[in-house]
Amino acid sequence: MFINNELLDDLEKQALESPRLRMNLDMRNSPEDQSQRMLNAMEPGTVLPIHRHMTSNEVVIILRGRMDEMFYDDAGNETHRYHLDPSKGNYALNIPRGMWHTVEVFEPTVIFEAKDGPYAPLSPNDILS
């Protein structure tokens, strides 16, 4: 798969048309591929609950746009905020396994995400109320 502006523009268009204001593109080689690699286009206003991945670290690399990634403690208090903006030289972030996190998107944004191991849906215990 060749990642270029045309692909990112198309993914952003799909995100804008989605009720969730985000759209991902699976970048695995096949359904048997046990990794998680995807492009994720997000529009301002998308809502991603505070969540965690108990079996995987997550790497986020911003390709275009601007967003903040926020970390939280178990009580829901924000502990860190990282601004990702390629125009400022802030490109990537490693999210440790078990870290509560979410995003705030400031303009149409596309990120590359990678996680260890196969996909596992979030359980109710992995979403912070």
N, C-alpha and C. Protein backbone atom coordinates (compact mmCIF):
# COMPACT_ATOMS: atom_id res chain seq x y z
N MET A 1 0.86 -1.19 0.00
CA MET A 1 0.00 0.00 0.00
C MET A 1 0.90 1.24 0.00
N PHE A 2 0.61 2.14 -0.91
CA PHE A 2 1.34 3.40 -1.03
C PHE A 2 0.55 4.48 -0.30
N ILE A 3 1.18 5.11 0.67
CA ILE A 3 0.52 6.18 1.44
C ILE A 3 0.93 7.51 0.82
N ASN A 4 -0.05 8.22 0.24
CA ASN A 4 0.21 9.51 -0.37
C ASN A 4 -0.94 10.46 -0.04
N ASN A 5 -0.87 11.67 -0.53
CA ASN A 5 -1.91 12.67 -0.24
C ASN A 5 -3.28 12.22 -0.72
N GLU A 6 -3.34 11.56 -1.87
CA GLU A 6 -4.62 11.10 -2.39
C GLU A 6 -5.29 10.11 -1.43
N LEU A 7 -4.53 9.18 -0.90
CA LEU A 7 -5.07 8.22 0.05
C LEU A 7 -5.54 8.93 1.33
N LEU A 8 -4.71 9.84 1.85
CA LEU A 8 -5.07 10.56 3.07
C LEU A 8 -6.28 11.46 2.85
N ASP A 9 -6.36 12.11 1.69
CA ASP A 9 -7.53 12.96 1.37
C ASP A 9 -8.81 12.12 1.35
N ASP A 10 -8.73 10.94 0.72
CA ASP A 10 -9.90 10.07 0.64
C ASP A 10 -10.33 9.59 2.03
N LEU A 11 -9.37 9.23 2.86
CA LEU A 11 -9.69 8.77 4.21
C LEU A 11 -10.30 9.91 5.03
N GLU A 12 -9.77 11.13 4.89
CA GLU A 12 -10.35 12.28 5.58
C GLU A 12 -11.79 12.53 5.12
N LYS A 13 -12.05 12.39 3.84
CA LYS A 13 -13.42 12.57 3.32
C LYS A 13 -14.36 11.56 3.95
N GLN A 14 -13.92 10.31 4.05
CA GLN A 14 -14.75 9.28 4.68
C GLN A 14 -14.99 9.60 6.17
N ALA A 15 -13.99 10.11 6.85
CA ALA A 15 -14.16 10.48 8.26
C ALA A 15 -15.18 11.59 8.41
N LEU A 16 -15.12 12.58 7.53
CA LEU A 16 -16.06 13.70 7.58
C LEU A 16 -17.49 13.24 7.35
N GLU A 17 -17.67 12.21 6.53
CA GLU A 17 -19.00 11.70 6.22
C GLU A 17 -19.50 10.69 7.26
N SER A 18 -18.63 10.25 8.16
CA SER A 18 -18.99 9.25 9.16
C SER A 18 -19.65 9.92 10.37
N PRO A 19 -20.69 9.31 10.93
CA PRO A 19 -21.31 9.88 12.15
C PRO A 19 -20.32 9.99 13.31
N ARG A 20 -19.30 9.11 13.34
CA ARG A 20 -18.30 9.16 14.42
C ARG A 20 -17.20 10.18 14.16
N LEU A 21 -17.19 10.77 12.96
CA LEU A 21 -16.17 11.73 12.54
C LEU A 21 -14.76 11.14 12.57
N ARG A 22 -14.67 9.84 12.31
CA ARG A 22 -13.37 9.20 12.15
C ARG A 22 -13.53 7.96 11.28
N MET A 23 -12.43 7.58 10.65
CA MET A 23 -12.44 6.41 9.78
C MET A 23 -11.03 5.81 9.81
N ASN A 24 -10.97 4.48 9.90
CA ASN A 24 -9.65 3.86 9.86
C ASN A 24 -9.49 2.99 8.63
N LEU A 25 -8.25 2.73 8.31
CA LEU A 25 -7.89 1.88 7.18
C LEU A 25 -6.92 0.83 7.69
N ASP A 26 -7.35 -0.43 7.65
CA ASP A 26 -6.55 -1.56 8.11
C ASP A 26 -5.34 -1.71 7.19
N MET A 27 -4.16 -1.78 7.76
CA MET A 27 -2.94 -1.90 6.97
C MET A 27 -2.25 -3.25 7.18
N ARG A 28 -2.96 -4.20 7.75
CA ARG A 28 -2.38 -5.53 7.89
C ARG A 28 -2.26 -6.19 6.52
N ASN A 29 -1.39 -7.15 6.42
CA ASN A 29 -1.19 -7.86 5.15
C ASN A 29 -2.30 -8.83 4.85
N SER A 30 -2.95 -9.38 5.90
CA SER A 30 -4.03 -10.32 5.73
C SER A 30 -4.78 -10.44 7.05
N PRO A 31 -5.98 -11.02 7.05
CA PRO A 31 -6.69 -11.23 8.32
C PRO A 31 -5.92 -12.12 9.30
N GLU A 32 -5.00 -12.92 8.81
CA GLU A 32 -4.20 -13.78 9.69
C GLU A 32 -3.04 -13.02 10.34
N ASP A 33 -2.72 -11.85 9.85
CA ASP A 33 -1.66 -11.02 10.42
C ASP A 33 -2.02 -10.69 11.86
N GLN A 34 -1.17 -11.03 12.79
CA GLN A 34 -1.46 -10.87 14.22
C GLN A 34 -1.03 -9.51 14.78
N SER A 35 -0.75 -8.55 13.94
CA SER A 35 -0.42 -7.20 14.40
C SER A 35 -1.64 -6.31 14.26
N GLN A 36 -1.51 -5.11 14.75
CA GLN A 36 -2.53 -4.08 14.52
C GLN A 36 -1.80 -2.87 13.93
N ARG A 37 -2.12 -2.57 12.69
CA ARG A 37 -1.54 -1.40 12.01
C ARG A 37 -2.66 -0.76 11.23
N MET A 38 -2.84 0.53 11.44
CA MET A 38 -3.92 1.21 10.71
C MET A 38 -3.63 2.69 10.57
N LEU A 39 -4.24 3.28 9.55
CA LEU A 39 -4.35 4.73 9.46
C LEU A 39 -5.68 5.09 10.08
N ASN A 40 -5.72 6.19 10.79
CA ASN A 40 -6.95 6.64 11.43
C ASN A 40 -7.11 8.13 11.13
N ALA A 41 -8.15 8.46 10.37
CA ALA A 41 -8.48 9.86 10.07
C ALA A 41 -9.53 10.31 11.06
N MET A 42 -9.31 11.48 11.65
CA MET A 42 -10.22 12.01 12.68
C MET A 42 -10.51 13.48 12.40
N GLU A 43 -11.75 13.83 12.61
CA GLU A 43 -12.19 15.21 12.43
C GLU A 43 -12.39 15.87 13.80
N PRO A 44 -12.27 17.20 13.88
CA PRO A 44 -12.60 17.88 15.14
C PRO A 44 -14.02 17.50 15.57
N GLY A 45 -14.20 17.26 16.85
CA GLY A 45 -15.51 16.88 17.37
C GLY A 45 -15.69 15.39 17.54
N THR A 46 -14.77 14.59 16.99
CA THR A 46 -14.88 13.14 17.22
C THR A 46 -14.75 12.87 18.72
N VAL A 47 -15.50 11.90 19.19
CA VAL A 47 -15.48 11.56 20.61
C VAL A 47 -14.90 10.17 20.76
N LEU A 48 -13.79 10.09 21.44
CA LEU A 48 -13.15 8.82 21.74
C LEU A 48 -13.12 8.71 23.26
N PRO A 49 -13.81 7.73 23.84
CA PRO A 49 -13.84 7.65 25.30
C PRO A 49 -12.44 7.42 25.87
N ILE A 50 -12.25 7.83 27.10
CA ILE A 50 -11.01 7.53 27.79
C ILE A 50 -10.96 6.01 27.93
N HIS A 51 -9.87 5.41 27.44
CA HIS A 51 -9.77 3.95 27.41
C HIS A 51 -8.33 3.53 27.61
N ARG A 52 -8.15 2.22 27.73
CA ARG A 52 -6.81 1.65 27.87
C ARG A 52 -6.75 0.32 27.13
N HIS A 53 -5.53 -0.11 26.83
CA HIS A 53 -5.28 -1.40 26.20
C HIS A 53 -4.41 -2.20 27.18
N MET A 54 -4.99 -3.22 27.79
CA MET A 54 -4.29 -3.95 28.84
C MET A 54 -3.28 -4.96 28.32
N THR A 55 -3.34 -5.30 27.04
CA THR A 55 -2.42 -6.30 26.51
C THR A 55 -1.45 -5.74 25.48
N SER A 56 -1.45 -4.41 25.30
CA SER A 56 -0.66 -3.86 24.21
C SER A 56 -0.20 -2.44 24.48
N ASN A 57 1.03 -2.14 24.07
CA ASN A 57 1.46 -0.76 23.92
C ASN A 57 0.87 -0.26 22.62
N GLU A 58 0.80 1.06 22.49
CA GLU A 58 0.30 1.66 21.25
C GLU A 58 1.26 2.76 20.82
N VAL A 59 1.60 2.77 19.56
CA VAL A 59 2.41 3.84 18.99
C VAL A 59 1.53 4.65 18.05
N VAL A 60 1.56 5.97 18.21
CA VAL A 60 0.80 6.89 17.37
C VAL A 60 1.80 7.80 16.66
N ILE A 61 1.69 7.87 15.34
CA ILE A 61 2.53 8.76 14.53
C ILE A 61 1.60 9.65 13.73
N ILE A 62 1.73 10.96 13.88
CA ILE A 62 0.86 11.88 13.16
C ILE A 62 1.43 12.16 11.77
N LEU A 63 0.57 12.02 10.76
CA LEU A 63 0.97 12.28 9.38
C LEU A 63 0.56 13.67 8.91
N ARG A 64 -0.60 14.12 9.41
CA ARG A 64 -1.07 15.47 9.10
C ARG A 64 -2.07 15.89 10.15
N GLY A 65 -2.23 17.20 10.31
CA GLY A 65 -3.19 17.74 11.27
C GLY A 65 -2.56 18.13 12.60
N ARG A 66 -3.42 18.31 13.59
CA ARG A 66 -2.99 18.68 14.95
C ARG A 66 -3.94 18.03 15.94
N MET A 67 -3.37 17.46 17.00
CA MET A 67 -4.20 16.85 18.04
C MET A 67 -3.41 16.77 19.34
N ASP A 68 -4.13 16.61 20.43
CA ASP A 68 -3.53 16.32 21.72
C ASP A 68 -3.88 14.90 22.10
N GLU A 69 -2.93 14.22 22.69
CA GLU A 69 -3.16 12.91 23.30
C GLU A 69 -3.04 13.14 24.80
N MET A 70 -4.07 12.75 25.54
CA MET A 70 -4.08 12.98 26.98
C MET A 70 -4.03 11.65 27.72
N PHE A 71 -3.26 11.62 28.82
CA PHE A 71 -3.17 10.47 29.71
C PHE A 71 -3.90 10.80 31.01
N TYR A 72 -4.46 9.76 31.64
CA TYR A 72 -5.27 9.92 32.85
C TYR A 72 -4.86 8.89 33.90
N ASP A 73 -5.14 9.24 35.17
CA ASP A 73 -4.98 8.26 36.25
C ASP A 73 -6.28 7.49 36.41
N ASP A 74 -6.30 6.53 37.35
CA ASP A 74 -7.49 5.68 37.53
C ASP A 74 -8.72 6.44 37.99
N ALA A 75 -8.54 7.63 38.56
CA ALA A 75 -9.67 8.45 39.01
C ALA A 75 -10.21 9.36 37.90
N GLY A 76 -9.57 9.33 36.72
CA GLY A 76 -10.03 10.16 35.61
C GLY A 76 -9.41 11.54 35.58
N ASN A 77 -8.35 11.77 36.35
CA ASN A 77 -7.65 13.05 36.34
C ASN A 77 -6.59 13.05 35.25
N GLU A 78 -6.58 14.10 34.45
CA GLU A 78 -5.57 14.21 33.40
C GLU A 78 -4.20 14.35 34.05
N THR A 79 -3.25 13.52 33.61
CA THR A 79 -1.90 13.56 34.18
C THR A 79 -0.87 14.13 33.21
N HIS A 80 -1.09 13.93 31.90
CA HIS A 80 -0.18 14.45 30.88
C HIS A 80 -0.96 14.78 29.62
N ARG A 81 -0.47 15.78 28.91
CA ARG A 81 -1.06 16.16 27.63
C ARG A 81 0.10 16.37 26.66
N TYR A 82 0.02 15.68 25.52
CA TYR A 82 1.07 15.75 24.50
C TYR A 82 0.47 16.30 23.22
N HIS A 83 1.07 17.38 22.71
CA HIS A 83 0.58 18.00 21.48
C HIS A 83 1.34 17.41 20.30
N LEU A 84 0.61 16.76 19.39
CA LEU A 84 1.20 16.21 18.17
C LEU A 84 0.89 17.14 17.01
N ASP A 85 1.93 17.61 16.36
CA ASP A 85 1.79 18.57 15.27
C ASP A 85 3.06 18.49 14.43
N PRO A 86 2.98 17.91 13.22
CA PRO A 86 4.19 17.76 12.42
C PRO A 86 4.84 19.10 12.06
N SER A 87 4.07 20.18 11.99
CA SER A 87 4.66 21.48 11.67
C SER A 87 5.52 22.01 12.82
N LYS A 88 5.34 21.46 14.02
CA LYS A 88 6.12 21.85 15.20
C LYS A 88 7.20 20.83 15.53
N GLY A 89 7.28 19.76 14.73
CA GLY A 89 8.28 18.73 14.98
C GLY A 89 7.88 17.72 16.05
N ASN A 90 6.59 17.66 16.39
CA ASN A 90 6.08 16.70 17.38
C ASN A 90 5.33 15.62 16.62
N TYR A 91 5.98 14.47 16.39
CA TYR A 91 5.48 13.47 15.45
C TYR A 91 4.85 12.22 16.05
N ALA A 92 5.33 11.77 17.19
CA ALA A 92 4.93 10.43 17.62
C ALA A 92 4.91 10.33 19.14
N LEU A 93 4.19 9.30 19.58
CA LEU A 93 4.05 9.06 21.02
C LEU A 93 3.86 7.57 21.25
N ASN A 94 4.51 7.05 22.28
CA ASN A 94 4.28 5.68 22.72
C ASN A 94 3.33 5.73 23.90
N ILE A 95 2.25 4.97 23.82
CA ILE A 95 1.27 4.90 24.91
C ILE A 95 1.49 3.55 25.59
N PRO A 96 1.96 3.57 26.84
CA PRO A 96 2.26 2.31 27.52
C PRO A 96 1.01 1.47 27.76
N ARG A 97 1.20 0.17 27.76
CA ARG A 97 0.12 -0.78 28.06
C ARG A 97 -0.54 -0.39 29.38
N GLY A 98 -1.87 -0.37 29.38
CA GLY A 98 -2.63 -0.06 30.59
C GLY A 98 -2.84 1.41 30.88
N MET A 99 -2.28 2.31 30.05
CA MET A 99 -2.41 3.76 30.28
C MET A 99 -3.76 4.24 29.76
N TRP A 100 -4.51 4.90 30.65
CA TRP A 100 -5.77 5.53 30.22
C TRP A 100 -5.43 6.68 29.28
N HIS A 101 -6.15 6.81 28.16
CA HIS A 101 -5.84 7.87 27.20
C HIS A 101 -7.04 8.18 26.31
N THR A 102 -6.99 9.35 25.71
CA THR A 102 -7.94 9.77 24.68
C THR A 102 -7.29 10.88 23.87
N VAL A 103 -8.03 11.44 22.92
CA VAL A 103 -7.49 12.48 22.05
C VAL A 103 -8.44 13.66 21.97
N GLU A 104 -7.87 14.80 21.62
CA GLU A 104 -8.63 15.99 21.23
C GLU A 104 -8.07 16.42 19.88
N VAL A 105 -8.93 16.50 18.88
CA VAL A 105 -8.52 16.79 17.51
C VAL A 105 -8.86 18.24 17.19
N PHE A 106 -7.89 19.00 16.67
CA PHE A 106 -8.07 20.44 16.42
C PHE A 106 -8.34 20.78 14.96
N GLU A 107 -7.96 19.90 14.05
CA GLU A 107 -8.20 20.09 12.63
C GLU A 107 -8.17 18.70 12.00
N PRO A 108 -8.64 18.54 10.76
CA PRO A 108 -8.59 17.21 10.16
C PRO A 108 -7.20 16.60 10.33
N THR A 109 -7.16 15.39 10.87
CA THR A 109 -5.91 14.77 11.30
C THR A 109 -5.88 13.31 10.84
N VAL A 110 -4.72 12.86 10.41
CA VAL A 110 -4.52 11.45 10.09
C VAL A 110 -3.30 10.96 10.87
N ILE A 111 -3.49 9.83 11.57
CA ILE A 111 -2.41 9.22 12.32
C ILE A 111 -2.21 7.78 11.84
N PHE A 112 -1.02 7.28 12.07
CA PHE A 112 -0.73 5.86 11.92
C PHE A 112 -0.68 5.30 13.33
N GLU A 113 -1.39 4.19 13.57
CA GLU A 113 -1.41 3.53 14.87
C GLU A 113 -0.88 2.11 14.73
N ALA A 114 -0.10 1.68 15.71
CA ALA A 114 0.36 0.29 15.75
C ALA A 114 0.26 -0.19 17.19
N LYS A 115 -0.25 -1.41 17.33
CA LYS A 115 -0.36 -2.05 18.65
C LYS A 115 0.24 -3.44 18.56
N ASP A 116 0.69 -3.96 19.72
CA ASP A 116 1.23 -5.31 19.80
C ASP A 116 0.10 -6.32 19.69
N GLY A 117 0.34 -7.39 18.99
CA GLY A 117 -0.56 -8.53 18.99
C GLY A 117 -1.86 -8.31 18.25
N PRO A 118 -2.73 -9.32 18.30
CA PRO A 118 -3.99 -9.27 17.56
C PRO A 118 -5.00 -8.31 18.18
N TYR A 119 -5.97 -7.91 17.38
CA TYR A 119 -7.04 -7.02 17.84
C TYR A 119 -7.83 -7.69 18.96
N ALA A 120 -8.12 -6.91 19.99
CA ALA A 120 -9.00 -7.37 21.08
C ALA A 120 -9.95 -6.21 21.39
N PRO A 121 -11.25 -6.42 21.27
CA PRO A 121 -12.20 -5.33 21.57
C PRO A 121 -12.04 -4.86 23.01
N LEU A 122 -12.32 -3.59 23.23
CA LEU A 122 -12.27 -3.05 24.59
C LEU A 122 -13.38 -3.67 25.43
N SER A 123 -13.04 -4.06 26.63
CA SER A 123 -14.08 -4.53 27.55
C SER A 123 -14.62 -3.33 28.31
N PRO A 124 -15.78 -3.46 28.96
CA PRO A 124 -16.30 -2.35 29.77
C PRO A 124 -15.29 -1.87 30.83
N ASN A 125 -14.45 -2.77 31.33
CA ASN A 125 -13.43 -2.38 32.33
C ASN A 125 -12.31 -1.54 31.73
N ASP A 126 -12.24 -1.48 30.40
CA ASP A 126 -11.18 -0.71 29.73
C ASP A 126 -11.67 0.63 29.21
N ILE A 127 -12.88 1.03 29.61
CA ILE A 127 -13.41 2.35 29.27
C ILE A 127 -13.69 3.07 30.60
N LEU A 128 -13.10 4.24 30.76
CA LEU A 128 -13.23 4.99 32.01
C LEU A 128 -14.51 5.80 31.98
N SER A 129 -15.38 5.56 32.95
CA SER A 129 -16.66 6.27 33.00
C SER A 129 -16.52 7.60 33.71
